[in-house]
Each structure stands twice: as structure tokens, then as C-alpha cells.
């Protein structure tokens, strides 16, 4: 894994405590995001993508969850070892996150300008007027027309696309080392989705920050990602450069994702061909099987797969957790 050069999540395991038992939400997951690169994290709902991000931000609820093991290094500093006070100085300044639904993330009773200024003032000794000017510059950078008017508006007065741009402005106000974007185009129409992804990619290049992009959209992955991490049932099952991933996916689940999605190549061009459903259901995280969690859905399953958990094996810059995949 990459160290001292962005975000380095190592062997992270996060559990949730419920009335029905312990939910193994993330198990031994490692993801690195270097400055200036985009790493896409893909997988079905419930695969552990968002929990991995929230654990890195230390935003999982402490009463209902626990980070059992692992490290989250940001430029070599282990965030899991910091006090909550020290973590507040990191969160939003060096490591920032855009959440799925801006309407639930923005405060409905505060103006947009105050919400952007709040982040700036938490990390810098500026006047409120200067913080508002920073907000205006950010909205202009994000191609929002009439930024002064928008600063004075409340979230419910803005469209979904405008609210998402405001969330991006808040997240990048301090030019973080790494930005985590969790399904940033959810519930937006196709045209606005493309604009948001284009803005995020432009900000990554302009600020030199790393971008961890959590998404279901393999077309977006093909267009902007440098590397792809595939998760299933709380585990990382494959990692590869984006070109290699689309050309030759190794894990049967990765192949299933591509077959079940709009067929895309590295240039974002759609290829003809029928969509193929992945059979079966994702296993419950309360009752994971003894062996590979994908075994019951896998077209290449071996007896060994049902009794043993495959290790994540790395070679030649890519990795896979599968007994039948060759690197």
C-alpha cells in the first residue's frame, strides 16, 4: 500500500452492534488514495463502501459501532489514534467528505453563505466577511450563477444540482488532501450528474487532491478513475488500474458487475450486448458464510470456496481475493 502520500486505509475492520447480533460491516479492507488520483470504490448496496469512508472520517456512531482493528493514515498520521479534538482539526480541512443526499446534510435554517463560512472559520482566523468572500469565490469556481444571491439563500430554495454544488464548495473550502465523494450524483438527472462529475475531476486537478469516489456508475468509473476497488459483503475482492479492470476483470463478481451494467470501455463508450443479471442475493452481514461470501452466486464456484475464505493476493500492481482467478 502507498504511505505518506495521501490517504492510506490499512486492514480496516468495522462492526455494528445490533439487537440481532454483531454486523461485520467492513472486514480487513485496505484502500489507498494518492494525491492527485481518483480511486473508484464500487459494489452493490451493503458492500461496505460508505462504512469504509465513514470509518476513515471517524463518523461511525460510537455507541452502535466499533472499529475493531486497522489504521487510517493521512500523510502518515494515524487518524484513529487522534483525540476527537485533534480529529476535528483534520475533518473538513485535510480530509473531507461529500454525502449522498445534500438536503439532509445542509442545515435548512441557515443561509448557504453561513454554512460555507462556518467551515472556513473553524479552521482559519478570518473575519466572517472574508469567509463569505471565500464562499463566493468557491461558488464562482463551481460555475454557480449569481453567487452573491445564492449565498443569501436557504437550501430549500435551490435545485438538487445547486445543493450538491454547495456541498462540494463546503467540502473543498479548505483544499483537503483527500476528498471522499459518496454517491455524489444520487437523485440527479443525467445532465447534472455529468456536470457534477466534471466539476469534481476539475477540482481534483486544480487542487492536487486525491479523490475517493464511491459510486454504482461504471460509466463514471471508466471516465474519471485511475484505479478501481471492488467490494462485496464488507470485503475488498479486487483492485486494479481502471484500464486493466475493464479489459480483464479477475473476480467473478467484478465480471458480473460489468455484465449487469451498461457496457462501457475505458473511454466511456458504450458497447452493445445484453445485460446479464447476477443470480441470487447478497448474504446477510449478520450471518456470513464460512467461505467466500460470493460462493452461492458464483458461476465458477469450487468446493474450497464454500469452506475457506480466499486471501487477497497482489501481483503486478493488481490484486484479487479468489481461488479461481489468475493474476
Protein backbone atom coordinates (compact mmCIF):
# COMPACT_ATOMS: atom_id res chain seq x y z
CA UNK A 1 0.00 0.00 0.00
CA UNK A 2 1.01 3.62 -0.52
CA UNK A 3 2.23 5.50 2.55
CA UNK A 4 2.85 9.16 3.44
CA UNK A 5 1.22 10.36 0.23
CA UNK A 6 -2.49 10.87 0.81
CA UNK A 7 -5.00 8.54 2.44
CA UNK A 8 -3.95 5.00 3.36
CA UNK A 9 -6.62 2.79 4.93
CA UNK A 10 -4.98 -0.39 6.21
CA UNK A 11 -6.73 -3.61 7.26
CA UNK A 12 -9.82 -1.79 8.49
CA UNK A 13 -12.50 -3.82 10.30
CA UNK A 14 -15.69 -2.11 11.48
CA UNK A 15 -18.59 -3.76 13.31
CA UNK A 16 -22.08 -2.59 14.18
CA UNK A 17 -23.78 -3.78 17.36
CA UNK A 18 -27.47 -4.56 16.87
CA UNK A 19 -30.18 -6.34 18.82
CA UNK A 20 -29.86 -9.29 16.44
CA UNK A 21 -26.11 -9.54 16.86
CA UNK A 22 -22.84 -8.19 15.50
CA UNK A 23 -22.87 -6.93 11.91
CA UNK A 24 -19.47 -7.34 10.27
CA UNK A 25 -19.84 -4.25 8.04
CA UNK A 26 -16.19 -4.00 6.90
CA UNK A 27 -13.58 -6.73 7.20
CA UNK A 28 -9.84 -6.23 6.67
CA UNK A 29 -10.23 -3.58 3.96
CA UNK A 30 -7.24 -1.66 2.64
CA UNK A 31 -7.57 1.28 0.23
CA UNK A 32 -5.03 3.96 -0.66
CA UNK A 33 -5.68 7.26 -2.41
CA UNK A 34 -2.65 9.22 -3.52
CA UNK A 35 -2.69 12.98 -4.01
CA UNK A 36 -3.91 13.87 -7.47
CA UNK A 37 -5.51 10.50 -8.31
CA UNK A 38 -9.07 9.22 -8.38
CA UNK A 39 -9.84 5.85 -6.83
CA UNK A 40 -13.33 4.50 -7.51
CA UNK A 41 -14.86 2.16 -4.92
CA UNK A 42 -17.67 0.09 -6.43
CA UNK A 43 -20.04 -2.65 -5.32
CA UNK A 44 -23.68 -3.33 -4.54
CA UNK A 45 -25.56 -1.56 -1.75
CA UNK A 46 -24.46 -3.01 1.58
CA UNK A 47 -20.98 -3.94 0.35
CA UNK A 48 -19.29 -1.67 2.91
CA UNK A 49 -18.25 1.23 0.68
CA UNK A 50 -19.86 4.01 2.73
CA UNK A 51 -18.93 2.42 6.07
CA UNK A 52 -15.30 2.35 4.97
CA UNK A 53 -15.47 6.07 4.17
CA UNK A 54 -17.31 6.97 7.39
CA UNK A 55 -14.80 4.95 9.41
CA UNK A 56 -11.95 6.88 7.79
CA UNK A 57 -13.71 10.13 8.72
CA UNK A 58 -14.41 8.72 12.21
CA UNK A 59 -18.09 9.43 11.75
CA UNK A 60 -19.48 5.98 12.56
CA UNK A 61 -21.67 6.27 15.71
CA UNK A 62 -19.55 5.21 18.70
CA UNK A 63 -22.42 3.67 20.69
CA UNK A 64 -23.63 1.42 17.89
CA UNK A 65 -20.34 0.60 16.19
CA UNK A 66 -16.68 -0.04 16.78
CA UNK A 67 -13.55 -0.02 14.67
CA UNK A 68 -12.06 -3.33 15.72
CA UNK A 69 -8.70 -3.03 14.02
CA UNK A 70 -6.76 -1.24 11.33
CA UNK A 71 -5.19 2.13 10.66
CA UNK A 72 -6.28 5.20 8.71
CA UNK A 73 -3.17 7.15 7.74
CA UNK A 74 -3.38 10.63 6.27
CA UNK A 75 0.07 11.70 5.11
CA UNK A 76 1.45 9.20 7.62
CA UNK A 77 -0.64 10.30 10.63
CA UNK A 78 -2.98 7.64 12.05
CA UNK A 79 -6.38 9.32 12.38
CA UNK A 80 -7.71 6.52 14.56
CA UNK A 81 -5.11 7.39 17.21
CA UNK A 82 -6.09 11.08 17.41
CA UNK A 83 -8.27 12.57 20.12
CA UNK A 84 -11.68 13.78 18.98
CA UNK A 85 -10.49 17.37 19.38
CA UNK A 86 -7.50 16.77 17.12
CA UNK A 87 -9.71 14.89 14.65
CA UNK A 88 -11.99 17.93 14.35
CA UNK A 89 -8.99 19.92 13.13
CA UNK A 90 -8.44 17.31 10.39
CA UNK A 91 -12.04 16.67 9.37
CA UNK A 92 -13.12 19.23 6.77
CA UNK A 93 -9.63 20.66 6.39
CA UNK A 94 -7.30 17.81 5.41
CA UNK A 95 -9.87 15.05 4.86
CA UNK A 96 -13.34 15.96 3.67
CA UNK A 97 -16.46 14.16 2.51
CA UNK A 98 -19.48 14.80 0.29
CA UNK A 99 -22.51 12.83 1.41
CA UNK A 100 -25.18 11.18 -0.75
CA UNK A 101 -28.11 13.49 -0.08
CA UNK A 102 -27.34 17.23 0.24
CA UNK A 103 -30.82 18.10 1.54
CA UNK A 104 -30.20 16.06 4.69
CA UNK A 105 -26.61 17.32 5.03
CA UNK A 106 -27.29 21.05 4.72
CA UNK A 107 -28.88 22.90 7.65
CA UNK A 108 -32.34 24.04 6.48
CA UNK A 109 -32.45 27.08 8.79
CA UNK A 110 -29.09 28.63 7.91
CA UNK A 111 -28.14 30.53 4.78
CA UNK A 112 -25.73 28.97 2.32
CA UNK A 113 -23.11 31.64 2.98
CA UNK A 114 -23.19 30.97 6.73
CA UNK A 115 -22.76 27.24 6.20
CA UNK A 116 -19.71 27.68 3.97
CA UNK A 117 -18.29 30.33 6.31
CA UNK A 118 -18.72 28.01 9.30
CA UNK A 119 -16.26 25.52 7.80
CA UNK A 120 -13.72 28.23 6.92
CA UNK A 121 -13.93 29.90 10.34
CA UNK A 122 -13.50 26.54 12.10
CA UNK A 123 -10.03 26.21 10.60
CA UNK A 124 -8.84 29.75 9.87
CA UNK A 125 -8.66 33.02 11.83
CA UNK A 126 -10.63 35.13 9.35
CA UNK A 127 -13.41 37.66 9.65
CA UNK A 128 -16.91 36.47 8.72
CA UNK A 129 -16.84 38.86 5.76
CA UNK A 130 -13.65 37.25 4.49
CA UNK A 131 -15.17 33.80 4.97
CA UNK A 132 -18.22 34.87 2.93
CA UNK A 133 -15.90 36.13 0.19
CA UNK A 134 -14.25 32.69 0.18
CA UNK A 135 -17.70 31.20 -0.24
CA UNK A 136 -18.47 33.49 -3.17
CA UNK A 137 -15.19 32.55 -4.86
CA UNK A 138 -15.95 28.86 -4.38
CA UNK A 139 -19.45 29.17 -5.84
CA UNK A 140 -17.99 31.03 -8.81
CA UNK A 141 -15.40 28.26 -9.23
CA UNK A 142 -18.24 25.73 -9.22
CA UNK A 143 -19.99 27.64 -12.02
CA UNK A 144 -22.94 28.75 -9.91
CA UNK A 145 -24.55 31.85 -11.45
CA UNK A 146 -25.23 34.84 -9.21
CA UNK A 147 -23.09 33.54 -6.32
CA UNK A 148 -23.90 36.51 -4.07
CA UNK A 149 -27.61 35.74 -4.35
CA UNK A 150 -27.06 32.03 -3.68
CA UNK A 151 -25.00 32.79 -0.55
CA UNK A 152 -28.05 34.56 0.85
CA UNK A 153 -30.46 31.71 0.05
CA UNK A 154 -31.64 28.77 2.16
CA UNK A 155 -31.14 25.17 0.94
CA UNK A 156 -34.81 24.53 0.11
CA UNK A 157 -34.73 27.40 -2.37
CA UNK A 158 -32.10 25.66 -4.52
CA UNK A 159 -32.37 22.83 -7.03
CA UNK A 160 -30.84 19.43 -6.30
CA UNK A 161 -27.89 20.14 -8.58
CA UNK A 162 -27.26 23.51 -6.94
CA UNK A 163 -27.43 21.98 -3.46
CA UNK A 164 -24.88 19.37 -4.48
CA UNK A 165 -22.55 22.09 -5.75
CA UNK A 166 -22.91 23.87 -2.43
CA UNK A 167 -21.97 20.63 -0.66
CA UNK A 168 -18.89 20.40 -2.86
CA UNK A 169 -18.00 24.02 -2.03
CA UNK A 170 -18.21 23.22 1.69
CA UNK A 171 -16.11 20.07 1.26
CA UNK A 172 -13.29 21.75 -0.70
CA UNK A 173 -13.29 25.10 1.09
CA UNK A 174 -10.00 24.21 2.81
CA UNK A 175 -8.48 22.39 -0.19
CA UNK A 176 -8.24 19.00 1.54
CA UNK A 177 -5.54 16.43 0.91
CA UNK A 178 -8.21 13.87 0.03
CA UNK A 179 -11.89 14.31 -0.78
CA UNK A 180 -14.31 11.41 -0.33
CA UNK A 181 -17.40 11.63 -2.55
CA UNK A 182 -20.12 9.15 -1.55
CA UNK A 183 -22.50 8.66 -4.49
CA UNK A 184 -22.33 12.40 -5.30
CA UNK A 185 -24.81 12.21 -8.20
CA UNK A 186 -27.62 10.30 -6.47
CA UNK A 187 -31.12 11.51 -7.48
CA UNK A 188 -29.78 13.97 -10.08
CA UNK A 189 -30.73 13.84 -13.73
CA UNK A 190 -28.19 12.59 -16.24
CA UNK A 191 -27.10 16.02 -17.49
CA UNK A 192 -26.49 17.33 -13.96
CA UNK A 193 -24.69 14.11 -13.00
CA UNK A 194 -22.18 14.66 -15.80
CA UNK A 195 -21.64 18.27 -14.70
CA UNK A 196 -21.01 17.27 -11.08
CA UNK A 197 -18.50 14.57 -12.05
CA UNK A 198 -16.75 17.01 -14.38
CA UNK A 199 -16.54 19.57 -11.55
CA UNK A 200 -15.09 17.04 -9.11
CA UNK A 201 -12.49 15.94 -11.64
CA UNK A 202 -11.55 19.55 -12.36
CA UNK A 203 -11.20 20.35 -8.63
CA UNK A 204 -9.01 17.27 -8.15
CA UNK A 205 -6.65 18.51 -10.83
CA UNK A 206 -6.70 22.16 -9.73
CA UNK A 207 -6.13 21.47 -6.02
CA UNK A 208 -3.92 18.40 -6.48
CA UNK A 209 -6.09 16.47 -4.03
CA UNK A 210 -6.89 12.77 -4.01
CA UNK A 211 -10.47 11.75 -4.80
CA UNK A 212 -12.09 8.64 -3.38
CA UNK A 213 -15.23 8.21 -5.47
CA UNK A 214 -17.89 5.82 -4.18
CA UNK A 215 -20.28 5.02 -7.00
CA UNK A 216 -22.51 2.44 -8.67
CA UNK A 217 -22.00 4.02 -12.09
CA UNK A 218 -19.36 2.13 -14.05
CA UNK A 219 -19.62 4.68 -16.85
CA UNK A 220 -18.35 7.33 -14.42
CA UNK A 221 -15.62 4.95 -13.28
CA UNK A 222 -14.46 4.42 -16.86
CA UNK A 223 -14.39 8.16 -17.49
CA UNK A 224 -12.57 9.58 -14.46
CA UNK A 225 -10.98 6.87 -12.28
CA UNK A 226 -7.32 5.90 -12.19
CA UNK A 227 -7.83 2.79 -10.07
CA UNK A 228 -10.84 0.65 -9.12
CA UNK A 229 -11.54 -1.11 -5.82
CA UNK A 230 -14.37 -3.66 -5.84
CA UNK A 231 -16.10 -4.52 -2.55
CA UNK A 232 -18.51 -7.32 -1.72
CA UNK A 233 -20.08 -8.18 1.67
CA UNK A 234 -17.72 -5.85 3.50
CA UNK A 235 -14.54 -7.14 1.87
CA UNK A 236 -12.26 -5.93 -0.90
CA UNK A 237 -12.37 -8.57 -3.63
CA UNK A 238 -10.44 -6.86 -6.43
CA UNK A 239 -8.23 -3.85 -7.14
CA UNK A 240 -6.77 -2.81 -10.48
CA UNK A 241 -5.86 0.08 -12.72
CA UNK A 242 -9.01 1.15 -14.49
CA UNK A 243 -7.84 0.07 -17.95
CA UNK A 244 -6.99 -3.42 -16.69
CA UNK A 245 -10.24 -3.68 -14.79
CA UNK A 246 -12.41 -3.05 -17.84
CA UNK A 247 -10.21 -5.09 -20.15
CA UNK A 248 -9.77 -8.13 -17.92
CA UNK A 249 -11.71 -8.23 -14.62
CA UNK A 250 -10.41 -11.09 -12.49
CA UNK A 251 -13.03 -11.72 -9.81
CA UNK A 252 -16.30 -13.39 -10.90
CA UNK A 253 -18.20 -10.68 -9.04
CA UNK A 254 -16.38 -7.96 -10.99
CA UNK A 255 -17.31 -9.72 -14.21
CA UNK A 256 -20.89 -9.90 -13.02
CA UNK A 257 -20.99 -6.18 -12.26
CA UNK A 258 -19.77 -5.34 -15.75
CA UNK A 259 -22.21 -7.74 -17.38
CA UNK A 260 -25.11 -6.35 -15.33
CA UNK A 261 -24.28 -2.71 -16.11
CA UNK A 262 -24.31 -0.61 -19.24
CA UNK A 263 -21.29 -1.99 -21.09
CA UNK A 264 -18.57 0.65 -21.12
CA UNK A 265 -14.94 0.83 -22.11
CA UNK A 266 -12.12 2.99 -20.72
CA UNK A 267 -13.17 5.91 -22.92
CA UNK A 268 -16.69 5.83 -21.55
CA UNK A 269 -18.05 4.46 -24.84
CA UNK A 270 -20.96 2.05 -24.62
CA UNK A 271 -20.60 -1.39 -26.16
CA UNK A 272 -23.52 -3.37 -27.48
CA UNK A 273 -24.62 -6.51 -25.68
CA UNK A 274 -27.38 -7.76 -23.39
CA UNK A 275 -27.35 -7.04 -19.65
CA UNK A 276 -26.93 -10.17 -17.53
CA UNK A 277 -28.32 -10.36 -14.01
CA UNK A 278 -26.14 -11.65 -11.15
CA UNK A 279 -28.19 -14.53 -9.72
CA UNK A 280 -29.04 -14.87 -6.05
CA UNK A 281 -28.86 -12.39 -3.20
CA UNK A 282 -26.11 -10.74 -1.15
CA UNK A 283 -25.68 -12.74 2.11
CA UNK A 284 -26.72 -11.14 5.39
CA UNK A 285 -23.85 -9.48 7.23
CA UNK A 286 -25.32 -10.98 10.40
CA UNK A 287 -24.79 -14.49 9.08
CA UNK A 288 -21.91 -14.57 6.64
CA UNK A 289 -20.94 -17.96 5.21
CA UNK A 290 -17.80 -19.74 6.33
CA UNK A 291 -16.10 -19.47 2.94
CA UNK A 292 -16.26 -16.88 0.18
CA UNK A 293 -19.41 -14.73 0.57
CA UNK A 294 -19.91 -14.77 -3.22
CA UNK A 295 -19.82 -18.58 -3.46
CA UNK A 296 -23.61 -19.09 -3.72
CA UNK A 297 -23.80 -16.66 -6.66
CA UNK A 298 -20.57 -17.58 -8.43
CA UNK A 299 -20.64 -19.45 -11.77
CA UNK A 300 -17.10 -20.79 -11.14
CA UNK A 301 -17.51 -21.92 -7.52
CA UNK A 302 -15.33 -24.74 -6.14
CA UNK A 303 -15.90 -26.82 -3.02
CA UNK A 304 -12.97 -24.96 -1.49
CA UNK A 305 -14.82 -21.66 -1.96
CA UNK A 306 -17.62 -22.82 0.36
CA UNK A 307 -15.31 -23.77 3.20
CA UNK A 308 -12.38 -21.33 3.03
CA UNK A 309 -12.09 -17.56 2.73
CA UNK A 310 -9.67 -16.66 -0.06
CA UNK A 311 -6.86 -14.28 0.85
CA UNK A 312 -6.38 -11.04 -1.07
CA UNK A 313 -3.36 -11.76 -3.29
CA UNK A 314 -1.46 -8.94 -5.02
CA UNK A 315 0.82 -9.19 -8.05
CA UNK A 316 1.93 -6.81 -10.76
CA UNK A 317 0.05 -3.82 -9.37
CA UNK A 318 -3.33 -5.50 -9.03
CA UNK A 319 -4.99 -7.84 -6.56
CA UNK A 320 -7.87 -10.27 -6.15
CA UNK A 321 -9.43 -12.45 -3.43
CA UNK A 322 -10.48 -15.55 -5.36
CA UNK A 323 -9.36 -19.16 -5.65
CA UNK A 324 -10.17 -19.39 -9.37
CA UNK A 325 -8.75 -16.05 -10.54
CA UNK A 326 -5.24 -15.91 -12.01
CA UNK A 327 -3.15 -12.74 -11.74
